[in-house]
Amino acid sequence: KNFVNLAGDDILAYGELNEKESSVTGMSDYVKFEIDIKYRDLIRKPTYILIVASASKYGDYFTGGEGSTLYIDEFELKYDYNPASFV
């Protein structure tokens, strides 16, 4: 069962880490990353923003791997204009 339909009309924009970036194992240092948000609707203005971080794939569905640890440091949300984000 899906908790959220990412292709639904109520999702105005979406972004995620790619498989390579999100599957790093044995890290000894923090890794900087950026997630580009792709907008699907340029008319409606969003009311909320939801950010989900989980320590393992499907962790947001509470089915992640045991023993996974997630550290988030210096989180920043930027609002730079990127024409490629508007599809």
PDB file of N, CA and C in Angstrom:
ATOM      1  N   LYS A   1       0.852  -1.181   0.000  1.00  0.00           N
ATOM      2  CA  LYS A   1       0.000   0.000   0.000  1.00  0.00           C
ATOM      3  C   LYS A   1       0.892   1.237   0.000  1.00  0.00           C
ATOM      4  N   ASN A   2       0.574   2.210  -0.831  1.00  0.00           N
ATOM      5  CA  ASN A   2       1.294   3.485  -0.856  1.00  0.00           C
ATOM      6  C   ASN A   2       0.648   4.461   0.106  1.00  0.00           C
ATOM      7  N   PHE A   3       1.453   5.100   0.940  1.00  0.00           N
ATOM      8  CA  PHE A   3       0.948   6.140   1.807  1.00  0.00           C
ATOM      9  C   PHE A   3       0.778   7.436   1.035  1.00  0.00           C
ATOM     10  N   VAL A   4       1.634   7.661   0.058  1.00  0.00           N
ATOM     11  CA  VAL A   4       1.602   8.881  -0.748  1.00  0.00           C
ATOM     12  C   VAL A   4       1.726   8.482  -2.209  1.00  0.00           C
ATOM     13  N   ASN A   5       0.847   9.014  -3.027  1.00  0.00           N
ATOM     14  CA  ASN A   5       0.940   8.787  -4.461  1.00  0.00           C
ATOM     15  C   ASN A   5       1.770   9.924  -5.046  1.00  0.00           C
ATOM     16  N   LEU A   6       3.044   9.656  -5.329  1.00  0.00           N
ATOM     17  CA  LEU A   6       3.947  10.703  -5.814  1.00  0.00           C
ATOM     18  C   LEU A   6       3.551  11.247  -7.186  1.00  0.00           C
ATOM     19  N   ALA A   7       2.734  10.506  -7.916  1.00  0.00           N
ATOM     20  CA  ALA A   7       2.265  10.969  -9.224  1.00  0.00           C
ATOM     21  C   ALA A   7       0.909  11.664  -9.110  1.00  0.00           C
ATOM     22  N   GLY A   8       0.379  11.801  -7.899  1.00  0.00           N
ATOM     23  CA  GLY A   8      -0.937  12.393  -7.689  1.00  0.00           C
ATOM     24  C   GLY A   8      -0.992  13.873  -8.004  1.00  0.00           C
ATOM     25  N   ASP A   9      -2.189  14.348  -8.280  1.00  0.00           N
ATOM     26  CA  ASP A   9      -2.397  15.766  -8.616  1.00  0.00           C
ATOM     27  C   ASP A   9      -2.103  16.694  -7.442  1.00  0.00           C
ATOM     28  N   ASP A  10      -2.094  16.158  -6.229  1.00  0.00           N
ATOM     29  CA  ASP A  10      -1.849  16.998  -5.064  1.00  0.00           C
ATOM     30  C   ASP A  10      -0.360  17.228  -4.802  1.00  0.00           C
ATOM     31  N   ILE A  11       0.517  16.557  -5.552  1.00  0.00           N
ATOM     32  CA  ILE A  11       1.963  16.742  -5.430  1.00  0.00           C
ATOM     33  C   ILE A  11       2.391  17.758  -6.488  1.00  0.00           C
ATOM     34  N   LEU A  12       2.760  18.966  -6.069  1.00  0.00           N
ATOM     35  CA  LEU A  12       3.125  20.021  -7.012  1.00  0.00           C
ATOM     36  C   LEU A  12       4.573  19.923  -7.470  1.00  0.00           C
ATOM     37  N   ALA A  13       5.443  19.358  -6.613  1.00  0.00           N
ATOM     38  CA  ALA A  13       6.863  19.226  -6.932  1.00  0.00           C
ATOM     39  C   ALA A  13       7.430  18.051  -6.145  1.00  0.00           C
ATOM     40  N   TYR A  14       8.520  17.470  -6.670  1.00  0.00           N
ATOM     41  CA  TYR A  14       9.099  16.299  -6.011  1.00  0.00           C
ATOM     42  C   TYR A  14      10.578  16.197  -6.357  1.00  0.00           C
ATOM     43  N   GLY A  15      11.367  15.719  -5.417  1.00  0.00           N
ATOM     44  CA  GLY A  15      12.783  15.478  -5.653  1.00  0.00           C
ATOM     45  C   GLY A  15      13.287  14.421  -4.690  1.00  0.00           C
ATOM     46  N   GLU A  16      14.332  13.715  -5.073  1.00  0.00           N
ATOM     47  CA  GLU A  16      14.909  12.689  -4.201  1.00  0.00           C
ATOM     48  C   GLU A  16      16.363  12.448  -4.594  1.00  0.00           C
ATOM     49  N   LEU A  17      17.117  11.834  -3.689  1.00  0.00           N
ATOM     50  CA  LEU A  17      18.489  11.434  -4.005  1.00  0.00           C
ATOM     51  C   LEU A  17      18.442  10.272  -4.979  1.00  0.00           C
ATOM     52  N   ASN A  18      19.401  10.226  -5.898  1.00  0.00           N
ATOM     53  CA  ASN A  18      19.435   9.092  -6.804  1.00  0.00           C
ATOM     54  C   ASN A  18      19.994   7.859  -6.087  1.00  0.00           C
ATOM     55  N   GLU A  19      19.863   6.717  -6.699  1.00  0.00           N
ATOM     56  CA  GLU A  19      20.264   5.445  -6.085  1.00  0.00           C
ATOM     57  C   GLU A  19      21.727   5.437  -5.659  1.00  0.00           C
ATOM     58  N   LYS A  20      22.606   5.981  -6.498  1.00  0.00           N
ATOM     59  CA  LYS A  20      24.039   5.986  -6.184  1.00  0.00           C
ATOM     60  C   LYS A  20      24.333   6.818  -4.936  1.00  0.00           C
ATOM     61  N   GLU A  21      23.730   8.011  -4.850  1.00  0.00           N
ATOM     62  CA  GLU A  21      23.967   8.897  -3.710  1.00  0.00           C
ATOM     63  C   GLU A  21      23.365   8.360  -2.423  1.00  0.00           C
ATOM     64  N   SER A  22      22.254   7.659  -2.531  1.00  0.00           N
ATOM     65  CA  SER A  22      21.560   7.207  -1.326  1.00  0.00           C
ATOM     66  C   SER A  22      22.001   5.827  -0.859  1.00  0.00           C
ATOM     67  N   SER A  23      22.902   5.172  -1.569  1.00  0.00           N
ATOM     68  CA  SER A  23      23.312   3.810  -1.216  1.00  0.00           C
ATOM     69  C   SER A  23      24.762   3.727  -0.755  1.00  0.00           C
ATOM     70  N   VAL A  24      25.304   4.810  -0.252  1.00  0.00           N
ATOM     71  CA  VAL A  24      26.695   4.820   0.209  1.00  0.00           C
ATOM     72  C   VAL A  24      26.800   4.006   1.497  1.00  0.00           C
ATOM     73  N   THR A  25      27.776   3.089   1.543  1.00  0.00           N
ATOM     74  CA  THR A  25      27.997   2.302   2.764  1.00  0.00           C
ATOM     75  C   THR A  25      29.420   2.514   3.253  1.00  0.00           C
ATOM     76  N   GLY A  26      29.624   2.325   4.522  1.00  0.00           N
ATOM     77  CA  GLY A  26      30.957   2.441   5.091  1.00  0.00           C
ATOM     78  C   GLY A  26      31.512   3.845   5.065  1.00  0.00           C
ATOM     79  N   MET A  27      30.665   4.844   5.188  1.00  0.00           N
ATOM     80  CA  MET A  27      31.130   6.233   5.159  1.00  0.00           C
ATOM     81  C   MET A  27      31.890   6.554   6.432  1.00  0.00           C
ATOM     82  N   SER A  28      32.942   7.341   6.301  1.00  0.00           N
ATOM     83  CA  SER A  28      33.679   7.803   7.475  1.00  0.00           C
ATOM     84  C   SER A  28      33.556   9.311   7.648  1.00  0.00           C
ATOM     85  N   ASP A  29      33.047  10.007   6.633  1.00  0.00           N
ATOM     86  CA  ASP A  29      32.852  11.451   6.685  1.00  0.00           C
ATOM     87  C   ASP A  29      31.474  11.790   6.122  1.00  0.00           C
ATOM     88  N   TYR A  30      31.020  12.990   6.444  1.00  0.00           N
ATOM     89  CA  TYR A  30      29.762  13.460   5.879  1.00  0.00           C
ATOM     90  C   TYR A  30      29.927  13.684   4.377  1.00  0.00           C
ATOM     91  N   VAL A  31      28.839  13.508   3.642  1.00  0.00           N
ATOM     92  CA  VAL A  31      28.829  13.719   2.199  1.00  0.00           C
ATOM     93  C   VAL A  31      27.819  14.818   1.885  1.00  0.00           C
ATOM     94  N   LYS A  32      28.275  15.869   1.225  1.00  0.00           N
ATOM     95  CA  LYS A  32      27.391  16.953   0.831  1.00  0.00           C
ATOM     96  C   LYS A  32      26.581  16.522  -0.386  1.00  0.00           C
ATOM     97  N   PHE A  33      25.306  16.882  -0.402  1.00  0.00           N
ATOM     98  CA  PHE A  33      24.463  16.554  -1.549  1.00  0.00           C
ATOM     99  C   PHE A  33      23.424  17.651  -1.739  1.00  0.00           C
ATOM    100  N   GLU A  34      22.856  17.691  -2.923  1.00  0.00           N
ATOM    101  CA  GLU A  34      21.761  18.601  -3.238  1.00  0.00           C
ATOM    102  C   GLU A  34      20.671  17.812  -3.936  1.00  0.00           C
ATOM    103  N   ILE A  35      19.440  18.179  -3.669  1.00  0.00           N
ATOM    104  CA  ILE A  35      18.292  17.539  -4.320  1.00  0.00           C
ATOM    105  C   ILE A  35      17.573  18.609  -5.126  1.00  0.00           C
ATOM    106  N   ASP A  36      17.510  18.417  -6.426  1.00  0.00           N
ATOM    107  CA  ASP A  36      16.817  19.351  -7.306  1.00  0.00           C
ATOM    108  C   ASP A  36      15.329  18.985  -7.310  1.00  0.00           C
ATOM    109  N   ILE A  37      14.495  19.957  -7.059  1.00  0.00           N
ATOM    110  CA  ILE A  37      13.050  19.751  -7.018  1.00  0.00           C
ATOM    111  C   ILE A  37      12.480  19.992  -8.420  1.00  0.00           C
ATOM    112  N   LYS A  38      11.725  19.023  -8.926  1.00  0.00           N
ATOM    113  CA  LYS A  38      11.076  19.157 -10.231  1.00  0.00           C
ATOM    114  C   LYS A  38       9.621  19.557 -10.016  1.00  0.00           C
ATOM    115  N   TYR A  39       9.248  20.703 -10.568  1.00  0.00           N
ATOM    116  CA  TYR A  39       7.891  21.211 -10.417  1.00  0.00           C
ATOM    117  C   TYR A  39       7.006  20.670 -11.524  1.00  0.00           C
ATOM    118  N   ARG A  40       5.801  20.244 -11.173  1.00  0.00           N
ATOM    119  CA  ARG A  40       4.838  19.697 -12.132  1.00  0.00           C
ATOM    120  C   ARG A  40       3.695  20.666 -12.405  1.00  0.00           C
ATOM    121  N   ASP A  41       3.502  21.612 -11.509  1.00  0.00           N
ATOM    122  CA  ASP A  41       2.411  22.567 -11.630  1.00  0.00           C
ATOM    123  C   ASP A  41       2.975  23.958 -11.357  1.00  0.00           C
ATOM    124  N   LEU A  42       2.897  24.824 -12.353  1.00  0.00           N
ATOM    125  CA  LEU A  42       3.461  26.163 -12.227  1.00  0.00           C
ATOM    126  C   LEU A  42       2.405  27.215 -11.893  1.00  0.00           C
ATOM    127  N   ILE A  43       1.167  26.797 -11.774  1.00  0.00           N
ATOM    128  CA  ILE A  43       0.073  27.730 -11.510  1.00  0.00           C
ATOM    129  C   ILE A  43      -0.253  27.777 -10.013  1.00  0.00           C
ATOM    130  N   ARG A  44      -0.486  26.616  -9.424  1.00  0.00           N
ATOM    131  CA  ARG A  44      -0.855  26.577  -8.003  1.00  0.00           C
ATOM    132  C   ARG A  44       0.352  26.862  -7.118  1.00  0.00           C
ATOM    133  N   LYS A  45       0.105  27.518  -5.999  1.00  0.00           N
ATOM    134  CA  LYS A  45       1.163  27.797  -5.030  1.00  0.00           C
ATOM    135  C   LYS A  45       1.074  26.779  -3.900  1.00  0.00           C
ATOM    136  N   PRO A  46       2.208  26.200  -3.513  1.00  0.00           N
ATOM    137  CA  PRO A  46       2.173  25.193  -2.440  1.00  0.00           C
ATOM    138  C   PRO A  46       1.803  25.819  -1.095  1.00  0.00           C
ATOM    139  N   THR A  47       1.112  25.024  -0.293  1.00  0.00           N
ATOM    140  CA  THR A  47       0.738  25.430   1.053  1.00  0.00           C
ATOM    141  C   THR A  47       1.738  24.908   2.072  1.00  0.00           C
ATOM    142  N   TYR A  48       2.258  23.701   1.829  1.00  0.00           N
ATOM    143  CA  TYR A  48       3.174  23.041   2.749  1.00  0.00           C
ATOM    144  C   TYR A  48       4.376  22.488   1.993  1.00  0.00           C
ATOM    145  N   ILE A  49       5.438  22.249   2.722  1.00  0.00           N
ATOM    146  CA  ILE A  49       6.578  21.524   2.187  1.00  0.00           C
ATOM    147  C   ILE A  49       6.844  20.381   3.159  1.00  0.00           C
ATOM    148  N   LEU A  50       7.042  19.201   2.642  1.00  0.00           N
ATOM    149  CA  LEU A  50       7.299  18.022   3.453  1.00  0.00           C
ATOM    150  C   LEU A  50       8.675  17.485   3.101  1.00  0.00           C
ATOM    151  N   ILE A  51       9.522  17.320   4.092  1.00  0.00           N
ATOM    152  CA  ILE A  51      10.859  16.778   3.903  1.00  0.00           C
ATOM    153  C   ILE A  51      10.949  15.494   4.707  1.00  0.00           C
ATOM    154  N   VAL A  52      11.293  14.394   4.042  1.00  0.00           N
ATOM    155  CA  VAL A  52      11.394  13.096   4.702  1.00  0.00           C
ATOM    156  C   VAL A  52      12.826  12.614   4.563  1.00  0.00           C
ATOM    157  N   ALA A  53      13.411  12.185   5.661  1.00  0.00           N
ATOM    158  CA  ALA A  53      14.751  11.596   5.657  1.00  0.00           C
ATOM    159  C   ALA A  53      14.663  10.275   6.409  1.00  0.00           C
ATOM    160  N   SER A  54      15.162   9.221   5.808  1.00  0.00           N
ATOM    161  CA  SER A  54      15.138   7.915   6.464  1.00  0.00           C
ATOM    162  C   SER A  54      16.501   7.261   6.321  1.00  0.00           C
ATOM    163  N   ALA A  55      16.835   6.396   7.256  1.00  0.00           N
ATOM    164  CA  ALA A  55      18.157   5.779   7.313  1.00  0.00           C
ATOM    165  C   ALA A  55      18.318   4.634   6.323  1.00  0.00           C
ATOM    166  N   SER A  56      17.233   4.151   5.761  1.00  0.00           N
ATOM    167  CA  SER A  56      17.335   3.078   4.781  1.00  0.00           C
ATOM    168  C   SER A  56      16.167   3.181   3.805  1.00  0.00           C
ATOM    169  N   LYS A  57      16.318   2.539   2.659  1.00  0.00           N
ATOM    170  CA  LYS A  57      15.274   2.584   1.643  1.00  0.00           C
ATOM    171  C   LYS A  57      13.971   2.056   2.235  1.00  0.00           C
ATOM    172  N   TYR A  58      12.895   2.701   1.955  1.00  0.00           N
ATOM    173  CA  TYR A  58      11.567   2.393   2.474  1.00  0.00           C
ATOM    174  C   TYR A  58      11.449   2.616   3.970  1.00  0.00           C
ATOM    175  N   GLY A  59      12.412   3.302   4.560  1.00  0.00           N
ATOM    176  CA  GLY A  59      12.314   3.632   5.976  1.00  0.00           C
ATOM    177  C   GLY A  59      11.127   4.525   6.268  1.00  0.00           C
ATOM    178  N   ASP A  60      10.748   5.360   5.275  1.00  0.00           N
ATOM    179  CA  ASP A  60       9.579   6.216   5.466  1.00  0.00           C
ATOM    180  C   ASP A  60       8.285   5.416   5.464  1.00  0.00           C
ATOM    181  N   TYR A  61       8.358   4.144   5.057  1.00  0.00           N
ATOM    182  CA  TYR A  61       7.215   3.234   5.137  1.00  0.00           C
ATOM    183  C   TYR A  61       7.360   2.279   6.317  1.00  0.00           C
ATOM    184  N   PHE A  62       8.339   2.551   7.174  1.00  0.00           N
ATOM    185  CA  PHE A  62       8.598   1.757   8.378  1.00  0.00           C
ATOM    186  C   PHE A  62       8.961   0.313   8.057  1.00  0.00           C
ATOM    187  N   THR A  63       9.644   0.100   6.913  1.00  0.00           N
ATOM    188  CA  THR A  63      10.092  -1.243   6.551  1.00  0.00           C
ATOM    189  C   THR A  63      11.586  -1.250   6.258  1.00  0.00           C
ATOM    190  N   GLY A  64      12.315  -0.283   6.790  1.00  0.00           N
ATOM    191  CA  GLY A  64      13.750  -0.162   6.530  1.00  0.00           C
ATOM    192  C   GLY A  64      14.557  -1.246   7.216  1.00  0.00           C
ATOM    193  N   GLY A  65      15.847  -1.281   6.925  1.00  0.00           N
ATOM    194  CA  GLY A  65      16.739  -2.272   7.493  1.00  0.00           C
ATOM    195  C   GLY A  65      17.102  -1.971   8.939  1.00  0.00           C
ATOM    196  N   GLU A  66      17.196  -3.002   9.750  1.00  0.00           N
ATOM    197  CA  GLU A  66      17.595  -2.837  11.145  1.00  0.00           C
ATOM    198  C   GLU A  66      19.058  -2.433  11.216  1.00  0.00           C
ATOM    199  N   GLY A  67      19.386  -1.602  12.183  1.00  0.00           N
ATOM    200  CA  GLY A  67      20.765  -1.190  12.388  1.00  0.00           C
ATOM    201  C   GLY A  67      21.212  -0.019  11.544  1.00  0.00           C
ATOM    202  N   SER A  68      20.334   0.511  10.711  1.00  0.00           N
ATOM    203  CA  SER A  68      20.688   1.675   9.890  1.00  0.00           C
ATOM    204  C   SER A  68      20.718   2.919  10.763  1.00  0.00           C
ATOM    205  N   THR A  69      21.669   3.793  10.492  1.00  0.00           N
ATOM    206  CA  THR A  69      21.793   5.040  11.245  1.00  0.00           C
ATOM    207  C   THR A  69      21.848   6.201  10.274  1.00  0.00           C
ATOM    208  N   LEU A  70      21.119   7.249  10.597  1.00  0.00           N
ATOM    209  CA  LEU A  70      21.090   8.440   9.753  1.00  0.00           C
ATOM    210  C   LEU A  70      21.529   9.629  10.583  1.00  0.00           C
ATOM    211  N   TYR A  71      22.513  10.357  10.090  1.00  0.00           N
ATOM    212  CA  TYR A  71      22.959  11.598  10.701  1.00  0.00           C
ATOM    213  C   TYR A  71      22.703  12.722   9.711  1.00  0.00           C
ATOM    214  N   ILE A  72      22.054  13.766  10.170  1.00  0.00           N
ATOM    215  CA  ILE A  72      21.822  14.943   9.337  1.00  0.00           C
ATOM    216  C   ILE A  72      22.475  16.125  10.035  1.00  0.00           C
ATOM    217  N   ASP A  73      23.337  16.830   9.315  1.00  0.00           N
ATOM    218  CA  ASP A  73      24.062  17.942   9.889  1.00  0.00           C
ATOM    219  C   ASP A  73      24.003  19.116   8.921  1.00  0.00           C
ATOM    220  N   GLU A  74      23.803  20.295   9.449  1.00  0.00           N
ATOM    221  CA  GLU A  74      23.803  21.521   8.665  1.00  0.00           C
ATOM    222  C   GLU A  74      22.816  21.478   7.503  1.00  0.00           C
ATOM    223  N   PHE A  75      21.585  21.123   7.800  1.00  0.00           N
ATOM    224  CA  PHE A  75      20.525  21.077   6.803  1.00  0.00           C
ATOM    225  C   PHE A  75      20.193  22.494   6.350  1.00  0.00           C
ATOM    226  N   GLU A  76      20.014  22.674   5.039  1.00  0.00           N
ATOM    227  CA  GLU A  76      19.721  23.992   4.485  1.00  0.00           C
ATOM    228  C   GLU A  76      18.719  23.849   3.350  1.00  0.00           C
ATOM    229  N   LEU A  77      17.741  24.716   3.319  1.00  0.00           N
ATOM    230  CA  LEU A  77      16.734  24.726   2.265  1.00  0.00           C
ATOM    231  C   LEU A  77      16.922  26.000   1.464  1.00  0.00           C
ATOM    232  N   LYS A  78      17.290  25.869   0.182  1.00  0.00           N
ATOM    233  CA  LYS A  78      17.567  27.025  -0.669  1.00  0.00           C
ATOM    234  C   LYS A  78      16.437  27.219  -1.675  1.00  0.00           C
ATOM    235  N   TYR A  79      16.258  28.474  -2.068  1.00  0.00           N
ATOM    236  CA  TYR A  79      15.221  28.812  -3.036  1.00  0.00           C
ATOM    237  C   TYR A  79      15.820  29.479  -4.259  1.00  0.00           C
ATOM    238  N   ASP A  80      16.789  28.884  -4.867  1.00  0.00           N
ATOM    239  CA  ASP A  80      17.401  29.432  -6.074  1.00  0.00           C
ATOM    240  C   ASP A  80      16.556  29.061  -7.286  1.00  0.00           C
ATOM    241  N   TYR A  81      16.497  29.967  -8.245  1.00  0.00           N
ATOM    242  CA  TYR A  81      15.755  29.685  -9.480  1.00  0.00           C
ATOM    243  C   TYR A  81      16.596  28.819 -10.398  1.00  0.00           C
ATOM    244  N   ASN A  82      16.019  27.719 -10.820  1.00  0.00           N
ATOM    245  CA  ASN A  82      16.680  26.808 -11.754  1.00  0.00           C
ATOM    246  C   ASN A  82      15.675  26.449 -12.847  1.00  0.00           C
ATOM    247  N   PRO A  83      15.844  26.947 -14.068  1.00  0.00           N
ATOM    248  CA  PRO A  83      14.871  26.682 -15.143  1.00  0.00           C
ATOM    249  C   PRO A  83      14.646  25.200 -15.409  1.00  0.00           C
ATOM    250  N   ALA A  84      15.645  24.365 -15.150  1.00  0.00           N
ATOM    251  CA  ALA A  84      15.505  22.927 -15.392  1.00  0.00           C
ATOM    252  C   ALA A  84      14.517  22.276 -14.426  1.00  0.00           C
ATOM    253  N   SER A  85      14.196  22.950 -13.337  1.00  0.00           N
ATOM    254  CA  SER A  85      13.271  22.394 -12.356  1.00  0.00           C
ATOM    255  C   SER A  85      11.811  22.466 -12.816  1.00  0.00           C
ATOM    256  N   PHE A  86      11.541  23.280 -13.817  1.00  0.00           N
ATOM    257  CA  PHE A  86      10.167  23.484 -14.260  1.00  0.00           C
ATOM    258  C   PHE A  86       9.929  22.688 -15.523  1.00  0.00           C
ATOM    259  N   VAL A  87       9.286  21.544 -15.351  1.00  0.00           N
ATOM    260  CA  VAL A  87       9.025  20.651 -16.489  1.00  0.00           C
ATOM    261  C   VAL A  87       7.549  20.576 -16.797  1.00  0.00           C
TER     262      VAL A  87
END
